[in-house]
Amino acid sequence: MKETDIKEIAIAGGVSANSELRKRLASFSKDYKVYIPKFEYCTDNAAMIAITGYYKYLQQDFTEQNTSPNARMKI
């Protein structure tokens, strides 16, 4: 933050549920504008991935065992 002169900090997703991270970022609020979502909104993608897998399973939509993961795969 010092190197880039950033004045605002925001966290989101599952990592924002980390209580130590929340506490440390809150301590910066004197010098920076800090955005931390309410704990109830701090979820990650695991539930979304799981439900997608469930529906694909129900449809018997499987892939070959030799398929490699690709985060940028075009659908």
PDB file of N, CA and C in Angstrom:
ATOM      1  N   MET A   1       0.829  -1.183   0.000  1.00  0.00           N
ATOM      2  CA  MET A   1       0.000   0.000   0.000  1.00  0.00           C
ATOM      3  C   MET A   1       0.875   1.248   0.000  1.00  0.00           C
ATOM      4  N   LYS A   2       1.958   1.171   0.745  1.00  0.00           N
ATOM      5  CA  LYS A   2       2.869   2.313   0.790  1.00  0.00           C
ATOM      6  C   LYS A   2       3.561   2.504  -0.547  1.00  0.00           C
ATOM      7  N   GLU A   3       3.905   1.414  -1.202  1.00  0.00           N
ATOM      8  CA  GLU A   3       4.620   1.487  -2.476  1.00  0.00           C
ATOM      9  C   GLU A   3       3.747   2.030  -3.595  1.00  0.00           C
ATOM     10  N   THR A   4       2.438   1.743  -3.552  1.00  0.00           N
ATOM     11  CA  THR A   4       1.552   2.130  -4.646  1.00  0.00           C
ATOM     12  C   THR A   4       0.672   3.326  -4.314  1.00  0.00           C
ATOM     13  N   ASP A   5       0.731   3.806  -3.078  1.00  0.00           N
ATOM     14  CA  ASP A   5      -0.072   4.940  -2.628  1.00  0.00           C
ATOM     15  C   ASP A   5      -1.572   4.647  -2.667  1.00  0.00           C
ATOM     16  N   ILE A   6      -1.916   3.378  -2.474  1.00  0.00           N
ATOM     17  CA  ILE A   6      -3.326   2.983  -2.421  1.00  0.00           C
ATOM     18  C   ILE A   6      -3.938   3.535  -1.142  1.00  0.00           C
ATOM     19  N   LYS A   7      -5.148   4.074  -1.237  1.00  0.00           N
ATOM     20  CA  LYS A   7      -5.822   4.656  -0.074  1.00  0.00           C
ATOM     21  C   LYS A   7      -7.065   3.874   0.342  1.00  0.00           C
ATOM     22  N   GLU A   8      -7.486   2.931  -0.510  1.00  0.00           N
ATOM     23  CA  GLU A   8      -8.673   2.138  -0.209  1.00  0.00           C
ATOM     24  C   GLU A   8      -8.346   0.659  -0.339  1.00  0.00           C
ATOM     25  N   ILE A   9      -8.879  -0.155   0.590  1.00  0.00           N
ATOM     26  CA  ILE A   9      -8.625  -1.595   0.614  1.00  0.00           C
ATOM     27  C   ILE A   9      -9.971  -2.303   0.703  1.00  0.00           C
ATOM     28  N   ALA A  10     -10.158  -3.329  -0.115  1.00  0.00           N
ATOM     29  CA  ALA A  10     -11.384  -4.127  -0.060  1.00  0.00           C
ATOM     30  C   ALA A  10     -11.015  -5.604  -0.108  1.00  0.00           C
ATOM     31  N   ILE A  11     -11.744  -6.410   0.638  1.00  0.00           N
ATOM     32  CA  ILE A  11     -11.577  -7.859   0.559  1.00  0.00           C
ATOM     33  C   ILE A  11     -12.951  -8.463   0.275  1.00  0.00           C
ATOM     34  N   ALA A  12     -12.939  -9.650  -0.298  1.00  0.00           N
ATOM     35  CA  ALA A  12     -14.199 -10.314  -0.633  1.00  0.00           C
ATOM     36  C   ALA A  12     -13.969 -11.814  -0.732  1.00  0.00           C
ATOM     37  N   GLY A  13     -15.039 -12.547  -0.867  1.00  0.00           N
ATOM     38  CA  GLY A  13     -14.954 -13.988  -1.023  1.00  0.00           C
ATOM     39  C   GLY A  13     -14.631 -14.696   0.274  1.00  0.00           C
ATOM     40  N   GLY A  14     -14.265 -15.948   0.179  1.00  0.00           N
ATOM     41  CA  GLY A  14     -14.000 -16.774   1.343  1.00  0.00           C
ATOM     42  C   GLY A  14     -12.889 -16.245   2.228  1.00  0.00           C
ATOM     43  N   VAL A  15     -11.873 -15.629   1.622  1.00  0.00           N
ATOM     44  CA  VAL A  15     -10.753 -15.123   2.414  1.00  0.00           C
ATOM     45  C   VAL A  15     -11.200 -14.028   3.378  1.00  0.00           C
ATOM     46  N   SER A  16     -12.260 -13.323   3.045  1.00  0.00           N
ATOM     47  CA  SER A  16     -12.711 -12.237   3.909  1.00  0.00           C
ATOM     48  C   SER A  16     -13.383 -12.738   5.180  1.00  0.00           C
ATOM     49  N   ALA A  17     -13.575 -14.047   5.296  1.00  0.00           N
ATOM     50  CA  ALA A  17     -14.121 -14.619   6.530  1.00  0.00           C
ATOM     51  C   ALA A  17     -13.026 -14.855   7.569  1.00  0.00           C
ATOM     52  N   ASN A  18     -11.785 -14.704   7.186  1.00  0.00           N
ATOM     53  CA  ASN A  18     -10.662 -14.939   8.093  1.00  0.00           C
ATOM     54  C   ASN A  18     -10.639 -13.860   9.171  1.00  0.00           C
ATOM     55  N   SER A  19     -10.854 -14.257  10.420  1.00  0.00           N
ATOM     56  CA  SER A  19     -10.982 -13.280  11.500  1.00  0.00           C
ATOM     57  C   SER A  19      -9.694 -12.496  11.743  1.00  0.00           C
ATOM     58  N   GLU A  20      -8.545 -13.135  11.613  1.00  0.00           N
ATOM     59  CA  GLU A  20      -7.279 -12.420  11.812  1.00  0.00           C
ATOM     60  C   GLU A  20      -7.071 -11.376  10.724  1.00  0.00           C
ATOM     61  N   LEU A  21      -7.362 -11.722   9.478  1.00  0.00           N
ATOM     62  CA  LEU A  21      -7.242 -10.770   8.379  1.00  0.00           C
ATOM     63  C   LEU A  21      -8.192  -9.593   8.584  1.00  0.00           C
ATOM     64  N   ARG A  22      -9.420  -9.882   8.983  1.00  0.00           N
ATOM     65  CA  ARG A  22     -10.406  -8.829   9.228  1.00  0.00           C
ATOM     66  C   ARG A  22      -9.911  -7.878  10.316  1.00  0.00           C
ATOM     67  N   LYS A  23      -9.363  -8.449  11.393  1.00  0.00           N
ATOM     68  CA  LYS A  23      -8.881  -7.646  12.515  1.00  0.00           C
ATOM     69  C   LYS A  23      -7.720  -6.749  12.081  1.00  0.00           C
ATOM     70  N   ARG A  24      -6.787  -7.319  11.346  1.00  0.00           N
ATOM     71  CA  ARG A  24      -5.615  -6.529  10.923  1.00  0.00           C
ATOM     72  C   ARG A  24      -6.001  -5.429   9.938  1.00  0.00           C
ATOM     73  N   LEU A  25      -6.885  -5.759   9.000  1.00  0.00           N
ATOM     74  CA  LEU A  25      -7.306  -4.729   8.052  1.00  0.00           C
ATOM     75  C   LEU A  25      -8.077  -3.619   8.760  1.00  0.00           C
ATOM     76  N   ALA A  26      -8.914  -3.984   9.716  1.00  0.00           N
ATOM     77  CA  ALA A  26      -9.668  -2.982  10.463  1.00  0.00           C
ATOM     78  C   ALA A  26      -8.724  -2.029  11.196  1.00  0.00           C
ATOM     79  N   SER A  27      -7.579  -2.534  11.606  1.00  0.00           N
ATOM     80  CA  SER A  27      -6.617  -1.676  12.303  1.00  0.00           C
ATOM     81  C   SER A  27      -6.024  -0.620  11.376  1.00  0.00           C
ATOM     82  N   PHE A  28      -6.123  -0.791  10.070  1.00  0.00           N
ATOM     83  CA  PHE A  28      -5.637   0.184   9.098  1.00  0.00           C
ATOM     84  C   PHE A  28      -6.625   1.314   8.853  1.00  0.00           C
ATOM     85  N   SER A  29      -7.811   1.219   9.421  1.00  0.00           N
ATOM     86  CA  SER A  29      -8.881   2.155   9.071  1.00  0.00           C
ATOM     87  C   SER A  29      -8.560   3.611   9.419  1.00  0.00           C
ATOM     88  N   LYS A  30      -7.544   3.849  10.240  1.00  0.00           N
ATOM     89  CA  LYS A  30      -7.147   5.235  10.541  1.00  0.00           C
ATOM     90  C   LYS A  30      -6.461   5.882   9.337  1.00  0.00           C
ATOM     91  N   ASP A  31      -5.718   5.061   8.605  1.00  0.00           N
ATOM     92  CA  ASP A  31      -4.939   5.584   7.484  1.00  0.00           C
ATOM     93  C   ASP A  31      -5.529   5.284   6.109  1.00  0.00           C
ATOM     94  N   TYR A  32      -6.409   4.295   6.049  1.00  0.00           N
ATOM     95  CA  TYR A  32      -6.971   3.855   4.768  1.00  0.00           C
ATOM     96  C   TYR A  32      -8.471   3.663   4.897  1.00  0.00           C
ATOM     97  N   LYS A  33      -9.158   3.761   3.783  1.00  0.00           N
ATOM     98  CA  LYS A  33     -10.579   3.418   3.754  1.00  0.00           C
ATOM     99  C   LYS A  33     -10.641   1.914   3.528  1.00  0.00           C
ATOM    100  N   VAL A  34     -11.218   1.178   4.467  1.00  0.00           N
ATOM    101  CA  VAL A  34     -11.234  -0.282   4.433  1.00  0.00           C
ATOM    102  C   VAL A  34     -12.663  -0.773   4.233  1.00  0.00           C
ATOM    103  N   TYR A  35     -12.852  -1.674   3.274  1.00  0.00           N
ATOM    104  CA  TYR A  35     -14.163  -2.260   2.996  1.00  0.00           C
ATOM    105  C   TYR A  35     -14.107  -3.745   3.325  1.00  0.00           C
ATOM    106  N   ILE A  36     -14.865  -4.154   4.329  1.00  0.00           N
ATOM    107  CA  ILE A  36     -14.943  -5.548   4.736  1.00  0.00           C
ATOM    108  C   ILE A  36     -16.416  -5.925   4.774  1.00  0.00           C
ATOM    109  N   PRO A  37     -16.838  -6.907   3.982  1.00  0.00           N
ATOM    110  CA  PRO A  37     -18.258  -7.271   3.978  1.00  0.00           C
ATOM    111  C   PRO A  37     -18.677  -7.911   5.298  1.00  0.00           C
ATOM    112  N   LYS A  38     -19.959  -7.854   5.575  1.00  0.00           N
ATOM    113  CA  LYS A  38     -20.486  -8.558   6.742  1.00  0.00           C
ATOM    114  C   LYS A  38     -20.125 -10.033   6.609  1.00  0.00           C
ATOM    115  N   PHE A  39     -19.878 -10.662   7.739  1.00  0.00           N
ATOM    116  CA  PHE A  39     -19.453 -12.058   7.741  1.00  0.00           C
ATOM    117  C   PHE A  39     -20.422 -12.957   6.970  1.00  0.00           C
ATOM    118  N   GLU A  40     -21.704 -12.677   7.062  1.00  0.00           N
ATOM    119  CA  GLU A  40     -22.718 -13.514   6.397  1.00  0.00           C
ATOM    120  C   GLU A  40     -22.580 -13.512   4.873  1.00  0.00           C
ATOM    121  N   TYR A  41     -21.868 -12.531   4.332  1.00  0.00           N
ATOM    122  CA  TYR A  41     -21.671 -12.457   2.885  1.00  0.00           C
ATOM    123  C   TYR A  41     -20.301 -12.958   2.447  1.00  0.00           C
ATOM    124  N   CYS A  42     -19.547 -13.532   3.362  1.00  0.00           N
ATOM    125  CA  CYS A  42     -18.186 -13.993   3.069  1.00  0.00           C
ATOM    126  C   CYS A  42     -18.185 -15.468   2.690  1.00  0.00           C
ATOM    127  N   THR A  43     -18.582 -15.743   1.499  1.00  0.00           N
ATOM    128  CA  THR A  43     -18.624 -17.124   1.027  1.00  0.00           C
ATOM    129  C   THR A  43     -17.586 -17.303  -0.081  1.00  0.00           C
ATOM    130  N   ASP A  44     -17.345 -18.546  -0.419  1.00  0.00           N
ATOM    131  CA  ASP A  44     -16.431 -18.795  -1.524  1.00  0.00           C
ATOM    132  C   ASP A  44     -17.153 -19.597  -2.594  1.00  0.00           C
ATOM    133  N   ASN A  45     -16.434 -19.995  -3.600  1.00  0.00           N
ATOM    134  CA  ASN A  45     -17.039 -20.685  -4.735  1.00  0.00           C
ATOM    135  C   ASN A  45     -17.279 -22.170  -4.502  1.00  0.00           C
ATOM    136  N   ALA A  46     -16.854 -22.709  -3.381  1.00  0.00           N
ATOM    137  CA  ALA A  46     -16.972 -24.147  -3.159  1.00  0.00           C
ATOM    138  C   ALA A  46     -18.415 -24.622  -3.281  1.00  0.00           C
ATOM    139  N   ALA A  47     -19.354 -23.890  -2.721  1.00  0.00           N
ATOM    140  CA  ALA A  47     -20.758 -24.299  -2.792  1.00  0.00           C
ATOM    141  C   ALA A  47     -21.263 -24.255  -4.238  1.00  0.00           C
ATOM    142  N   MET A  48     -20.854 -23.241  -4.983  1.00  0.00           N
ATOM    143  CA  MET A  48     -21.290 -23.134  -6.378  1.00  0.00           C
ATOM    144  C   MET A  48     -20.696 -24.261  -7.222  1.00  0.00           C
ATOM    145  N   ILE A  49     -19.448 -24.589  -6.976  1.00  0.00           N
ATOM    146  CA  ILE A  49     -18.805 -25.684  -7.705  1.00  0.00           C
ATOM    147  C   ILE A  49     -19.482 -27.007  -7.353  1.00  0.00           C
ATOM    148  N   ALA A  50     -19.781 -27.197  -6.080  1.00  0.00           N
ATOM    149  CA  ALA A  50     -20.414 -28.440  -5.644  1.00  0.00           C
ATOM    150  C   ALA A  50     -21.794 -28.623  -6.275  1.00  0.00           C
ATOM    151  N   ILE A  51     -22.611 -27.578  -6.302  1.00  0.00           N
ATOM    152  CA  ILE A  51     -23.957 -27.718  -6.871  1.00  0.00           C
ATOM    153  C   ILE A  51     -23.892 -27.952  -8.376  1.00  0.00           C
ATOM    154  N   THR A  52     -22.914 -27.330  -9.033  1.00  0.00           N
ATOM    155  CA  THR A  52     -22.730 -27.581 -10.469  1.00  0.00           C
ATOM    156  C   THR A  52     -22.364 -29.041 -10.705  1.00  0.00           C
ATOM    157  N   GLY A  53     -21.446 -29.561  -9.891  1.00  0.00           N
ATOM    158  CA  GLY A  53     -21.071 -30.969  -9.998  1.00  0.00           C
ATOM    159  C   GLY A  53     -22.251 -31.894  -9.743  1.00  0.00           C
ATOM    160  N   TYR A  54     -23.084 -31.540  -8.788  1.00  0.00           N
ATOM    161  CA  TYR A  54     -24.269 -32.348  -8.465  1.00  0.00           C
ATOM    162  C   TYR A  54     -25.210 -32.431  -9.666  1.00  0.00           C
ATOM    163  N   TYR A  55     -25.499 -31.282 -10.273  1.00  0.00           N
ATOM    164  CA  TYR A  55     -26.408 -31.292 -11.419  1.00  0.00           C
ATOM    165  C   TYR A  55     -25.790 -31.998 -12.626  1.00  0.00           C
ATOM    166  N   LYS A  56     -24.500 -31.850 -12.815  1.00  0.00           N
ATOM    167  CA  LYS A  56     -23.840 -32.583 -13.903  1.00  0.00           C
ATOM    168  C   LYS A  56     -23.913 -34.095 -13.642  1.00  0.00           C
ATOM    169  N   TYR A  57     -23.762 -34.480 -12.395  1.00  0.00           N
ATOM    170  CA  TYR A  57     -23.882 -35.892 -12.028  1.00  0.00           C
ATOM    171  C   TYR A  57     -25.294 -36.405 -12.335  1.00  0.00           C
ATOM    172  N   LEU A  58     -26.303 -35.650 -11.963  1.00  0.00           N
ATOM    173  CA  LEU A  58     -27.683 -36.063 -12.229  1.00  0.00           C
ATOM    174  C   LEU A  58     -27.943 -36.241 -13.720  1.00  0.00           C
ATOM    175  N   GLN A  59     -27.297 -35.411 -14.534  1.00  0.00           N
ATOM    176  CA  GLN A  59     -27.461 -35.493 -15.987  1.00  0.00           C
ATOM    177  C   GLN A  59     -26.492 -36.488 -16.621  1.00  0.00           C
ATOM    178  N   GLN A  60     -25.685 -37.156 -15.777  1.00  0.00           N
ATOM    179  CA  GLN A  60     -24.657 -38.083 -16.261  1.00  0.00           C
ATOM    180  C   GLN A  60     -23.707 -37.387 -17.247  1.00  0.00           C
ATOM    181  N   ASP A  61     -23.411 -36.132 -16.989  1.00  0.00           N
ATOM    182  CA  ASP A  61     -22.532 -35.316 -17.832  1.00  0.00           C
ATOM    183  C   ASP A  61     -21.105 -35.429 -17.293  1.00  0.00           C
ATOM    184  N   PHE A  62     -20.384 -36.441 -17.772  1.00  0.00           N
ATOM    185  CA  PHE A  62     -19.041 -36.723 -17.293  1.00  0.00           C
ATOM    186  C   PHE A  62     -18.021 -36.437 -18.385  1.00  0.00           C
ATOM    187  N   THR A  63     -16.770 -36.403 -18.005  1.00  0.00           N
ATOM    188  CA  THR A  63     -15.679 -36.221 -18.957  1.00  0.00           C
ATOM    189  C   THR A  63     -14.726 -37.404 -18.829  1.00  0.00           C
ATOM    190  N   GLU A  64     -13.791 -37.491 -19.725  1.00  0.00           N
ATOM    191  CA  GLU A  64     -12.812 -38.568 -19.692  1.00  0.00           C
ATOM    192  C   GLU A  64     -11.840 -38.375 -18.524  1.00  0.00           C
ATOM    193  N   GLN A  65     -11.267 -39.448 -18.034  1.00  0.00           N
ATOM    194  CA  GLN A  65     -10.318 -39.391 -16.923  1.00  0.00           C
ATOM    195  C   GLN A  65      -9.031 -38.645 -17.274  1.00  0.00           C
ATOM    196  N   ASN A  66      -8.690 -38.592 -18.547  1.00  0.00           N
ATOM    197  CA  ASN A  66      -7.445 -37.940 -18.943  1.00  0.00           C
ATOM    198  C   ASN A  66      -7.620 -36.445 -19.220  1.00  0.00           C
ATOM    199  N   THR A  67      -8.767 -35.884 -18.923  1.00  0.00           N
ATOM    200  CA  THR A  67      -9.004 -34.457 -19.109  1.00  0.00           C
ATOM    201  C   THR A  67      -8.246 -33.673 -18.041  1.00  0.00           C
ATOM    202  N   SER A  68      -7.521 -32.648 -18.460  1.00  0.00           N
ATOM    203  CA  SER A  68      -6.777 -31.799 -17.522  1.00  0.00           C
ATOM    204  C   SER A  68      -7.592 -30.552 -17.192  1.00  0.00           C
ATOM    205  N   PRO A  69      -7.520 -30.072 -15.963  1.00  0.00           N
ATOM    206  CA  PRO A  69      -8.230 -28.847 -15.614  1.00  0.00           C
ATOM    207  C   PRO A  69      -7.649 -27.644 -16.334  1.00  0.00           C
ATOM    208  N   ASN A  70      -8.490 -26.696 -16.648  1.00  0.00           N
ATOM    209  CA  ASN A  70      -8.071 -25.487 -17.333  1.00  0.00           C
ATOM    210  C   ASN A  70      -8.974 -24.353 -16.856  1.00  0.00           C
ATOM    211  N   ALA A  71      -8.443 -23.455 -16.063  1.00  0.00           N
ATOM    212  CA  ALA A  71      -9.249 -22.356 -15.507  1.00  0.00           C
ATOM    213  C   ALA A  71      -9.780 -21.409 -16.566  1.00  0.00           C
ATOM    214  N   ARG A  72      -9.191 -21.384 -17.723  1.00  0.00           N
ATOM    215  CA  ARG A  72      -9.609 -20.481 -18.798  1.00  0.00           C
ATOM    216  C   ARG A  72     -10.305 -21.218 -19.947  1.00  0.00           C
ATOM    217  N   MET A  73     -10.798 -22.419 -19.667  1.00  0.00           N
ATOM    218  CA  MET A  73     -11.428 -23.220 -20.702  1.00  0.00           C
ATOM    219  C   MET A  73     -12.675 -22.532 -21.254  1.00  0.00           C
ATOM    220  N   LYS A  74     -12.803 -22.474 -22.548  1.00  0.00           N
ATOM    221  CA  LYS A  74     -13.993 -21.897 -23.171  1.00  0.00           C
ATOM    222  C   LYS A  74     -15.123 -22.918 -23.108  1.00  0.00           C
ATOM    223  N   ILE A  75     -16.271 -22.419 -22.778  1.00  0.00           N
ATOM    224  CA  ILE A  75     -17.445 -23.305 -22.656  1.00  0.00           C
ATOM    225  C   ILE A  75     -18.276 -23.213 -23.907  1.00  0.00           C
TER     226      ILE A  75
END
